[in-house]
Amino acid sequence: MPRALPLLLLALLCVPAAAVEQYGYKVTGHKPQARDTYVQGLEIVDGILYVSSGGYGTSRLQSFDFANGKLLLERRLNPRLFAEGLTVVGERLYQLTWRARMLLVYNRSDLVGVEKWQIPGEGWGLTHDGEQLIYSDGSDQLYFISTTQRKITRRLKVTESGKPVVRLNELEWIDGRIWANIWQTNRIVIIDPATGEVEASVDLTGLLPVMERRPDTDVLNGIARNPADGSIWVTGKNWPWLYRIELVPKPATEPHTRTAESR
């Protein structure tokens, strides 16, 4: 082996990974949400907000007029099913279940169930890239499913600075990237779908004010992009509000300060 080759390999190994961009947030709007909404999935399509709410015996799928918050349709799940993430592709709506290893398929127009697909493990978050469904199972893996073949076509390992990122939860496809809640944290990560690398981290600490919290208030969960104006909406489990946010670059040396609109 040429003497220069080991030195070249050492140099390559010492090259630092690309820095993960750090963001805080600015709240630019909010909408009320029923306190008993245990948000597992959130999506906005054509002015309609679709919500998957979890819990055994309380799981449901709902659609709302996003402008005025009026409930349009609701479907209750079998009490033995625990609803998780959802996404809309064309005229079909897809909803994951947690431990039942099922992906439920509905008509988007009336939320009537039309199919049930088997998945190999737990279901957590769900989105799509325009061609395939993408779901998480709480690990560091994301799974791509063909809606025509109804099977996993690709697995993507998610890493941040070379380390696995686990507890990937609710997902949203935004501008060619996968946004993911990290369960039991106040953090969203933005993932390159080609490499699995986390490119950015969003700190949402303090989003729900302390005075708004109750004993049943749970963790941050739920990301939706409104295609009408590109706005980003986030919420949590049993939270009273949906929040519209903008990302604000956050120097690593400075603590986050919540900036909210007047209300």
C-alpha atoms as a PDB file:
ATOM      1  CA  MET A   1       0.000   0.000   0.000  1.00  0.00           C
ATOM      2  CA  PRO A   2       1.423   3.435  -0.884  1.00  0.00           C
ATOM      3  CA  ARG A   3       2.487   5.421   2.190  1.00  0.00           C
ATOM      4  CA  ALA A   4       0.250   8.337   1.199  1.00  0.00           C
ATOM      5  CA  LEU A   5      -2.909   6.224   1.246  1.00  0.00           C
ATOM      6  CA  PRO A   6      -3.158   5.701   5.040  1.00  0.00           C
ATOM      7  CA  LEU A   7      -2.616   9.427   5.524  1.00  0.00           C
ATOM      8  CA  LEU A   8      -5.403  10.187   3.037  1.00  0.00           C
ATOM      9  CA  LEU A   9      -7.793   7.784   4.795  1.00  0.00           C
ATOM     10  CA  LEU A  10      -6.938   9.344   8.168  1.00  0.00           C
ATOM     11  CA  ALA A  11      -7.595  12.796   6.778  1.00  0.00           C
ATOM     12  CA  LEU A  12     -10.972  11.730   5.429  1.00  0.00           C
ATOM     13  CA  LEU A  13     -11.950  10.205   8.772  1.00  0.00           C
ATOM     14  CA  CYS A  14     -11.037  13.435  10.533  1.00  0.00           C
ATOM     15  CA  VAL A  15     -13.250  15.618   8.344  1.00  0.00           C
ATOM     16  CA  PRO A  16     -16.069  16.860  10.620  1.00  0.00           C
ATOM     17  CA  ALA A  17     -19.675  16.155   9.682  1.00  0.00           C
ATOM     18  CA  ALA A  18     -21.655  19.086   8.355  1.00  0.00           C
ATOM     19  CA  ALA A  19     -22.958  21.183  11.220  1.00  0.00           C
ATOM     20  CA  VAL A  20     -26.633  20.752  12.056  1.00  0.00           C
ATOM     21  CA  GLU A  21     -28.432  24.071  11.696  1.00  0.00           C
ATOM     22  CA  GLN A  22     -30.147  25.176  14.910  1.00  0.00           C
ATOM     23  CA  TYR A  23     -33.458  27.019  14.985  1.00  0.00           C
ATOM     24  CA  GLY A  24     -35.796  28.554  17.494  1.00  0.00           C
ATOM     25  CA  TYR A  25     -39.207  29.851  16.477  1.00  0.00           C
ATOM     26  CA  LYS A  26     -41.587  32.776  16.304  1.00  0.00           C
ATOM     27  CA  VAL A  27     -45.323  32.243  16.836  1.00  0.00           C
ATOM     28  CA  THR A  28     -47.272  34.103  14.151  1.00  0.00           C
ATOM     29  CA  GLY A  29     -50.779  32.768  14.747  1.00  0.00           C
ATOM     30  CA  HIS A  30     -52.874  30.199  16.571  1.00  0.00           C
ATOM     31  CA  LYS A  31     -56.171  28.327  16.310  1.00  0.00           C
ATOM     32  CA  PRO A  32     -58.149  26.582  19.070  1.00  0.00           C
ATOM     33  CA  GLN A  33     -58.120  22.812  19.391  1.00  0.00           C
ATOM     34  CA  ALA A  34     -60.301  20.561  21.548  1.00  0.00           C
ATOM     35  CA  ARG A  35     -58.465  19.614  24.740  1.00  0.00           C
ATOM     36  CA  ASP A  36     -59.260  15.911  24.312  1.00  0.00           C
ATOM     37  CA  THR A  37     -57.431  15.701  20.976  1.00  0.00           C
ATOM     38  CA  TYR A  38     -54.545  13.285  21.549  1.00  0.00           C
ATOM     39  CA  VAL A  39     -52.797  14.326  18.351  1.00  0.00           C
ATOM     40  CA  GLN A  40     -50.948  11.560  16.504  1.00  0.00           C
ATOM     41  CA  GLY A  41     -51.271  12.818  12.948  1.00  0.00           C
ATOM     42  CA  LEU A  42     -51.986  16.194  11.353  1.00  0.00           C
ATOM     43  CA  GLU A  43     -52.378  17.292   7.737  1.00  0.00           C
ATOM     44  CA  ILE A  44     -53.887  20.199   5.804  1.00  0.00           C
ATOM     45  CA  VAL A  45     -55.148  19.632   2.251  1.00  0.00           C
ATOM     46  CA  ASP A  46     -57.405  21.914   0.178  1.00  0.00           C
ATOM     47  CA  GLY A  47     -58.477  23.946   3.204  1.00  0.00           C
ATOM     48  CA  ILE A  48     -59.347  20.873   5.284  1.00  0.00           C
ATOM     49  CA  LEU A  49     -57.503  19.896   8.452  1.00  0.00           C
ATOM     50  CA  TYR A  50     -57.278  16.142   9.016  1.00  0.00           C
ATOM     51  CA  VAL A  51     -56.503  14.926  12.535  1.00  0.00           C
ATOM     52  CA  SER A  52     -55.710  11.458  13.848  1.00  0.00           C
ATOM     53  CA  SER A  53     -56.325  11.222  17.602  1.00  0.00           C
ATOM     54  CA  GLY A  54     -55.066   8.231  19.587  1.00  0.00           C
ATOM     55  CA  GLY A  55     -55.917   6.155  22.624  1.00  0.00           C
ATOM     56  CA  TYR A  56     -57.596   2.792  23.145  1.00  0.00           C
ATOM     57  CA  GLY A  57     -61.336   3.341  23.005  1.00  0.00           C
ATOM     58  CA  THR A  58     -60.904   7.004  22.041  1.00  0.00           C
ATOM     59  CA  SER A  59     -59.068   6.809  18.705  1.00  0.00           C
ATOM     60  CA  ARG A  60     -60.699   8.704  15.869  1.00  0.00           C
ATOM     61  CA  LEU A  61     -60.195  10.334  12.515  1.00  0.00           C
ATOM     62  CA  GLN A  62     -61.603  13.824  11.990  1.00  0.00           C
ATOM     63  CA  SER A  63     -61.765  16.475   9.299  1.00  0.00           C
ATOM     64  CA  PHE A  64     -62.308  20.192   9.956  1.00  0.00           C
ATOM     65  CA  ASP A  65     -62.818  23.303   7.894  1.00  0.00           C
ATOM     66  CA  PHE A  66     -59.417  24.831   8.565  1.00  0.00           C
ATOM     67  CA  ALA A  67     -60.634  28.408   8.201  1.00  0.00           C
ATOM     68  CA  ASN A  68     -63.371  28.300  10.846  1.00  0.00           C
ATOM     69  CA  GLY A  69     -62.588  25.110  12.795  1.00  0.00           C
ATOM     70  CA  LYS A  70     -65.975  23.504  12.063  1.00  0.00           C
ATOM     71  CA  LEU A  71     -66.017  19.714  12.381  1.00  0.00           C
ATOM     72  CA  LEU A  72     -66.946  18.204   9.026  1.00  0.00           C
ATOM     73  CA  LEU A  73     -66.601  14.443   9.511  1.00  0.00           C
ATOM     74  CA  GLU A  74     -65.582  12.008  12.215  1.00  0.00           C
ATOM     75  CA  ARG A  75     -64.889   8.264  12.218  1.00  0.00           C
ATOM     76  CA  ARG A  76     -64.331   6.334  15.431  1.00  0.00           C
ATOM     77  CA  LEU A  77     -61.906   3.424  15.343  1.00  0.00           C
ATOM     78  CA  ASN A  78     -62.422  -0.018  16.796  1.00  0.00           C
ATOM     79  CA  PRO A  79     -61.686   0.246  20.558  1.00  0.00           C
ATOM     80  CA  ARG A  80     -58.896  -2.312  20.127  1.00  0.00           C
ATOM     81  CA  LEU A  81     -57.017   0.006  17.756  1.00  0.00           C
ATOM     82  CA  PHE A  82     -54.734   2.867  18.795  1.00  0.00           C
ATOM     83  CA  ALA A  83     -54.563   5.489  16.020  1.00  0.00           C
ATOM     84  CA  GLU A  84     -51.244   7.029  15.018  1.00  0.00           C
ATOM     85  CA  GLY A  85     -49.999   9.131  12.077  1.00  0.00           C
ATOM     86  CA  LEU A  86     -51.964   9.992   8.934  1.00  0.00           C
ATOM     87  CA  THR A  87     -51.399  11.376   5.470  1.00  0.00           C
ATOM     88  CA  VAL A  88     -53.455  12.175   2.368  1.00  0.00           C
ATOM     89  CA  VAL A  89     -52.473  10.998  -1.119  1.00  0.00           C
ATOM     90  CA  GLY A  90     -54.879  11.971  -3.872  1.00  0.00           C
ATOM     91  CA  GLU A  91     -58.358  10.784  -2.944  1.00  0.00           C
ATOM     92  CA  ARG A  92     -57.134   8.355  -0.282  1.00  0.00           C
ATOM     93  CA  LEU A  93     -56.351   8.979   3.366  1.00  0.00           C
ATOM     94  CA  TYR A  94     -53.943   6.656   5.169  1.00  0.00           C
ATOM     95  CA  GLN A  95     -53.885   6.164   8.959  1.00  0.00           C
ATOM     96  CA  LEU A  96     -51.432   4.094  10.983  1.00  0.00           C
ATOM     97  CA  THR A  97     -52.208   2.023  14.060  1.00  0.00           C
ATOM     98  CA  TRP A  98     -49.717   1.622  16.873  1.00  0.00           C
ATOM     99  CA  ARG A  99     -49.352  -2.073  17.751  1.00  0.00           C
ATOM    100  CA  ALA A 100     -51.989  -3.713  15.571  1.00  0.00           C
ATOM    101  CA  ARG A 101     -49.615  -3.737  12.560  1.00  0.00           C
ATOM    102  CA  MET A 102     -52.231  -2.223  10.312  1.00  0.00           C
ATOM    103  CA  LEU A 103     -52.387   0.693   7.910  1.00  0.00           C
ATOM    104  CA  LEU A 104     -55.984   1.818   7.407  1.00  0.00           C
ATOM    105  CA  VAL A 105     -57.066   3.298   4.068  1.00  0.00           C
ATOM    106  CA  TYR A 106     -60.103   5.602   3.694  1.00  0.00           C
ATOM    107  CA  ASN A 107     -61.906   7.543   1.016  1.00  0.00           C
ATOM    108  CA  ARG A 108     -60.861  11.115   1.613  1.00  0.00           C
ATOM    109  CA  SER A 109     -64.300  12.480   0.673  1.00  0.00           C
ATOM    110  CA  ASP A 110     -66.326  10.662   3.336  1.00  0.00           C
ATOM    111  CA  LEU A 111     -63.713   8.967   5.590  1.00  0.00           C
ATOM    112  CA  VAL A 112     -65.215   5.562   4.817  1.00  0.00           C
ATOM    113  CA  GLY A 113     -62.698   2.747   5.222  1.00  0.00           C
ATOM    114  CA  VAL A 114     -61.853   0.862   2.037  1.00  0.00           C
ATOM    115  CA  GLU A 115     -58.772  -1.261   2.843  1.00  0.00           C
ATOM    116  CA  LYS A 116     -56.456  -2.528   5.578  1.00  0.00           C
ATOM    117  CA  TRP A 117     -52.790  -3.205   4.886  1.00  0.00           C
ATOM    118  CA  GLN A 118     -50.377  -5.130   7.064  1.00  0.00           C
ATOM    119  CA  ILE A 119     -47.099  -3.544   8.172  1.00  0.00           C
ATOM    120  CA  PRO A 120     -44.276  -5.491   9.852  1.00  0.00           C
ATOM    121  CA  GLY A 121     -44.154  -3.600  13.147  1.00  0.00           C
ATOM    122  CA  GLU A 122     -45.456  -0.635  15.095  1.00  0.00           C
ATOM    123  CA  GLY A 123     -46.791   2.474  13.381  1.00  0.00           C
ATOM    124  CA  TRP A 124     -45.884   5.951  14.684  1.00  0.00           C
ATOM    125  CA  GLY A 125     -45.664   8.812  12.173  1.00  0.00           C
ATOM    126  CA  LEU A 126     -46.759   8.936   8.523  1.00  0.00           C
ATOM    127  CA  THR A 127     -46.231  11.209   5.516  1.00  0.00           C
ATOM    128  CA  HIS A 128     -45.518  10.855   1.784  1.00  0.00           C
ATOM    129  CA  ASP A 129     -43.136  12.247  -0.829  1.00  0.00           C
ATOM    130  CA  GLY A 130     -45.655  12.399  -3.660  1.00  0.00           C
ATOM    131  CA  GLU A 131     -44.833   8.872  -4.773  1.00  0.00           C
ATOM    132  CA  GLN A 132     -44.473   6.684  -1.695  1.00  0.00           C
ATOM    133  CA  LEU A 133     -45.715   6.638   1.883  1.00  0.00           C
ATOM    134  CA  ILE A 134     -43.073   7.169   4.566  1.00  0.00           C
ATOM    135  CA  TYR A 135     -43.616   5.952   8.118  1.00  0.00           C
ATOM    136  CA  SER A 136     -41.744   5.689  11.418  1.00  0.00           C
ATOM    137  CA  ASP A 137     -41.903   3.002  14.100  1.00  0.00           C
ATOM    138  CA  GLY A 138     -40.179   4.727  17.020  1.00  0.00           C
ATOM    139  CA  SER A 139     -36.710   3.559  16.020  1.00  0.00           C
ATOM    140  CA  ASP A 140     -34.040   5.347  13.977  1.00  0.00           C
ATOM    141  CA  GLN A 141     -35.538   3.951  10.765  1.00  0.00           C
ATOM    142  CA  LEU A 142     -37.943   5.415   8.245  1.00  0.00           C
ATOM    143  CA  TYR A 143     -39.790   3.068   5.881  1.00  0.00           C
ATOM    144  CA  PHE A 144     -40.942   3.829   2.337  1.00  0.00           C
ATOM    145  CA  ILE A 145     -44.059   1.990   1.091  1.00  0.00           C
ATOM    146  CA  SER A 146     -45.299   1.768  -2.476  1.00  0.00           C
ATOM    147  CA  THR A 147     -49.038   2.421  -2.611  1.00  0.00           C
ATOM    148  CA  THR A 148     -49.311   0.180  -5.671  1.00  0.00           C
ATOM    149  CA  GLN A 149     -47.169  -2.713  -4.462  1.00  0.00           C
ATOM    150  CA  ARG A 150     -48.290  -2.258  -0.845  1.00  0.00           C
ATOM    151  CA  LYS A 151     -44.917  -3.231   0.518  1.00  0.00           C
ATOM    152  CA  ILE A 152     -41.772  -1.625   1.913  1.00  0.00           C
ATOM    153  CA  THR A 153     -39.413  -0.622  -0.886  1.00  0.00           C
ATOM    154  CA  ARG A 154     -36.737   1.179   1.123  1.00  0.00           C
ATOM    155  CA  ARG A 155     -35.427   1.658   4.651  1.00  0.00           C
ATOM    156  CA  LEU A 156     -33.667   4.855   5.693  1.00  0.00           C
ATOM    157  CA  LYS A 157     -31.482   5.105   8.792  1.00  0.00           C
ATOM    158  CA  VAL A 158     -31.656   8.567  10.377  1.00  0.00           C
ATOM    159  CA  THR A 159     -28.481   9.977  11.900  1.00  0.00           C
ATOM    160  CA  GLU A 160     -27.379  13.262  13.417  1.00  0.00           C
ATOM    161  CA  SER A 161     -23.665  14.000  13.318  1.00  0.00           C
ATOM    162  CA  GLY A 162     -23.097  10.298  12.718  1.00  0.00           C
ATOM    163  CA  LYS A 163     -25.264   9.055  15.610  1.00  0.00           C
ATOM    164  CA  PRO A 164     -28.654   7.283  15.289  1.00  0.00           C
ATOM    165  CA  VAL A 165     -31.728   9.390  16.011  1.00  0.00           C
ATOM    166  CA  VAL A 166     -34.430   7.325  17.710  1.00  0.00           C
ATOM    167  CA  ARG A 167     -38.071   7.911  18.739  1.00  0.00           C
ATOM    168  CA  LEU A 168     -38.938   9.464  15.387  1.00  0.00           C
ATOM    169  CA  ASN A 169     -42.639  10.196  15.666  1.00  0.00           C
ATOM    170  CA  GLU A 170     -45.079  12.367  13.685  1.00  0.00           C
ATOM    171  CA  LEU A 171     -43.801  13.171  10.183  1.00  0.00           C
ATOM    172  CA  GLU A 172     -44.421  15.829   7.537  1.00  0.00           C
ATOM    173  CA  TRP A 173     -42.934  16.243   4.055  1.00  0.00           C
ATOM    174  CA  ILE A 174     -41.988  19.903   3.567  1.00  0.00           C
ATOM    175  CA  ASP A 175     -40.079  21.279   0.577  1.00  0.00           C
ATOM    176  CA  GLY A 176     -38.307  18.016  -0.184  1.00  0.00           C
ATOM    177  CA  ARG A 177     -37.360  17.258   3.411  1.00  0.00           C
ATOM    178  CA  ILE A 178     -38.858  15.093   6.160  1.00  0.00           C
ATOM    179  CA  TRP A 179     -39.744  16.889   9.374  1.00  0.00           C
ATOM    180  CA  ALA A 180     -40.079  14.631  12.421  1.00  0.00           C
ATOM    181  CA  ASN A 181     -41.125  15.131  16.020  1.00  0.00           C
ATOM    182  CA  ILE A 182     -38.769  13.428  18.473  1.00  0.00           C
ATOM    183  CA  TRP A 183     -41.087  11.789  21.004  1.00  0.00           C
ATOM    184  CA  GLN A 184     -40.955  13.139  24.565  1.00  0.00           C
ATOM    185  CA  THR A 185     -38.883  16.147  23.548  1.00  0.00           C
ATOM    186  CA  ASN A 186     -39.587  19.708  22.411  1.00  0.00           C
ATOM    187  CA  ARG A 187     -37.607  19.105  19.236  1.00  0.00           C
ATOM    188  CA  ILE A 188     -38.314  18.671  15.545  1.00  0.00           C
ATOM    189  CA  VAL A 189     -35.567  17.435  13.227  1.00  0.00           C
ATOM    190  CA  ILE A 190     -35.376  18.094   9.482  1.00  0.00           C
ATOM    191  CA  ILE A 191     -34.051  15.089   7.554  1.00  0.00           C
ATOM    192  CA  ASP A 192     -32.511  14.706   4.102  1.00  0.00           C
ATOM    193  CA  PRO A 193     -34.534  11.836   2.546  1.00  0.00           C
ATOM    194  CA  ALA A 194     -31.620  10.837   0.317  1.00  0.00           C
ATOM    195  CA  THR A 195     -29.052  10.306   3.075  1.00  0.00           C
ATOM    196  CA  GLY A 196     -31.009  10.154   6.332  1.00  0.00           C
ATOM    197  CA  GLU A 197     -28.836  12.914   7.776  1.00  0.00           C
ATOM    198  CA  VAL A 198     -30.432  15.471  10.092  1.00  0.00           C
ATOM    199  CA  GLU A 199     -29.768  18.844   8.507  1.00  0.00           C
ATOM    200  CA  ALA A 200     -31.531  21.035  11.064  1.00  0.00           C
ATOM    201  CA  SER A 201     -32.982  20.932  14.552  1.00  0.00           C
ATOM    202  CA  VAL A 202     -35.893  23.090  15.740  1.00  0.00           C
ATOM    203  CA  ASP A 203     -36.206  23.818  19.472  1.00  0.00           C
ATOM    204  CA  LEU A 204     -39.850  24.441  20.421  1.00  0.00           C
ATOM    205  CA  THR A 205     -39.269  24.726  24.157  1.00  0.00           C
ATOM    206  CA  GLY A 206     -41.888  26.967  25.775  1.00  0.00           C
ATOM    207  CA  LEU A 207     -44.310  26.820  22.855  1.00  0.00           C
ATOM    208  CA  LEU A 208     -47.259  25.966  25.090  1.00  0.00           C
ATOM    209  CA  PRO A 209     -47.159  28.417  28.019  1.00  0.00           C
ATOM    210  CA  VAL A 210     -47.128  26.993  31.533  1.00  0.00           C
ATOM    211  CA  MET A 211     -50.486  28.593  32.374  1.00  0.00           C
ATOM    212  CA  GLU A 212     -52.095  26.652  29.491  1.00  0.00           C
ATOM    213  CA  ARG A 213     -50.975  23.286  30.826  1.00  0.00           C
ATOM    214  CA  ARG A 214     -53.222  20.880  32.748  1.00  0.00           C
ATOM    215  CA  PRO A 215     -52.594  17.470  34.364  1.00  0.00           C
ATOM    216  CA  ASP A 216     -53.509  15.653  31.116  1.00  0.00           C
ATOM    217  CA  THR A 217     -51.391  17.889  28.857  1.00  0.00           C
ATOM    218  CA  ASP A 218     -48.962  15.641  27.006  1.00  0.00           C
ATOM    219  CA  VAL A 219     -45.979  16.055  24.708  1.00  0.00           C
ATOM    220  CA  LEU A 220     -45.379  18.100  21.578  1.00  0.00           C
ATOM    221  CA  ASN A 221     -46.647  16.175  18.541  1.00  0.00           C
ATOM    222  CA  GLY A 222     -48.130  17.196  15.205  1.00  0.00           C
ATOM    223  CA  ILE A 223     -46.703  19.015  12.177  1.00  0.00           C
ATOM    224  CA  ALA A 224     -48.690  20.260   9.190  1.00  0.00           C
ATOM    225  CA  ARG A 225     -47.839  22.506   6.265  1.00  0.00           C
ATOM    226  CA  ASN A 226     -50.682  24.486   4.715  1.00  0.00           C
ATOM    227  CA  PRO A 227     -50.135  24.281   0.927  1.00  0.00           C
ATOM    228  CA  ALA A 228     -52.252  27.418   0.415  1.00  0.00           C
ATOM    229  CA  ASP A 229     -49.652  29.737   1.919  1.00  0.00           C
ATOM    230  CA  GLY A 230     -46.732  27.529   2.979  1.00  0.00           C
ATOM    231  CA  SER A 231     -47.329  28.159   6.689  1.00  0.00           C
ATOM    232  CA  ILE A 232     -46.168  25.590   9.254  1.00  0.00           C
ATOM    233  CA  TRP A 233     -48.540  24.533  12.052  1.00  0.00           C
ATOM    234  CA  VAL A 234     -47.570  22.507  15.126  1.00  0.00           C
ATOM    235  CA  THR A 235     -49.342  21.281  18.237  1.00  0.00           C
ATOM    236  CA  GLY A 236     -49.266  18.618  20.940  1.00  0.00           C
ATOM    237  CA  LYS A 237     -51.277  15.874  22.577  1.00  0.00           C
ATOM    238  CA  ASN A 238     -54.218  17.335  24.511  1.00  0.00           C
ATOM    239  CA  TRP A 239     -53.077  20.860  23.736  1.00  0.00           C
ATOM    240  CA  PRO A 240     -55.655  23.669  23.436  1.00  0.00           C
ATOM    241  CA  TRP A 241     -53.982  25.344  20.451  1.00  0.00           C
ATOM    242  CA  LEU A 242     -52.551  24.806  17.011  1.00  0.00           C
ATOM    243  CA  TYR A 243     -49.644  27.223  16.534  1.00  0.00           C
ATOM    244  CA  ARG A 244     -48.407  28.773  13.299  1.00  0.00           C
ATOM    245  CA  ILE A 245     -44.656  29.193  13.543  1.00  0.00           C
ATOM    246  CA  GLU A 246     -41.733  30.583  11.614  1.00  0.00           C
ATOM    247  CA  LEU A 247     -38.209  29.288  12.104  1.00  0.00           C
ATOM    248  CA  VAL A 248     -35.649  31.674  13.567  1.00  0.00           C
ATOM    249  CA  PRO A 249     -31.902  30.904  13.350  1.00  0.00           C
ATOM    250  CA  LYS A 250     -30.625  30.165  16.825  1.00  0.00           C
ATOM    251  CA  PRO A 251     -26.963  30.705  17.773  1.00  0.00           C
ATOM    252  CA  ALA A 252     -25.801  27.702  19.786  1.00  0.00           C
ATOM    253  CA  THR A 253     -24.523  29.965  22.579  1.00  0.00           C
ATOM    254  CA  GLU A 254     -27.821  31.742  23.143  1.00  0.00           C
ATOM    255  CA  PRO A 255     -30.819  30.364  25.074  1.00  0.00           C
ATOM    256  CA  HIS A 256     -34.179  30.262  23.309  1.00  0.00           C
ATOM    257  CA  THR A 257     -36.717  32.983  24.013  1.00  0.00           C
ATOM    258  CA  ARG A 258     -40.338  32.449  22.997  1.00  0.00           C
ATOM    259  CA  THR A 259     -41.762  35.175  20.774  1.00  0.00           C
ATOM    260  CA  ALA A 260     -45.556  35.158  20.518  1.00  0.00           C
ATOM    261  CA  GLU A 261     -48.098  37.242  18.712  1.00  0.00           C
ATOM    262  CA  SER A 262     -50.437  39.400  20.760  1.00  0.00           C
ATOM    263  CA  ARG A 263     -53.666  37.808  21.917  1.00  0.00           C
END
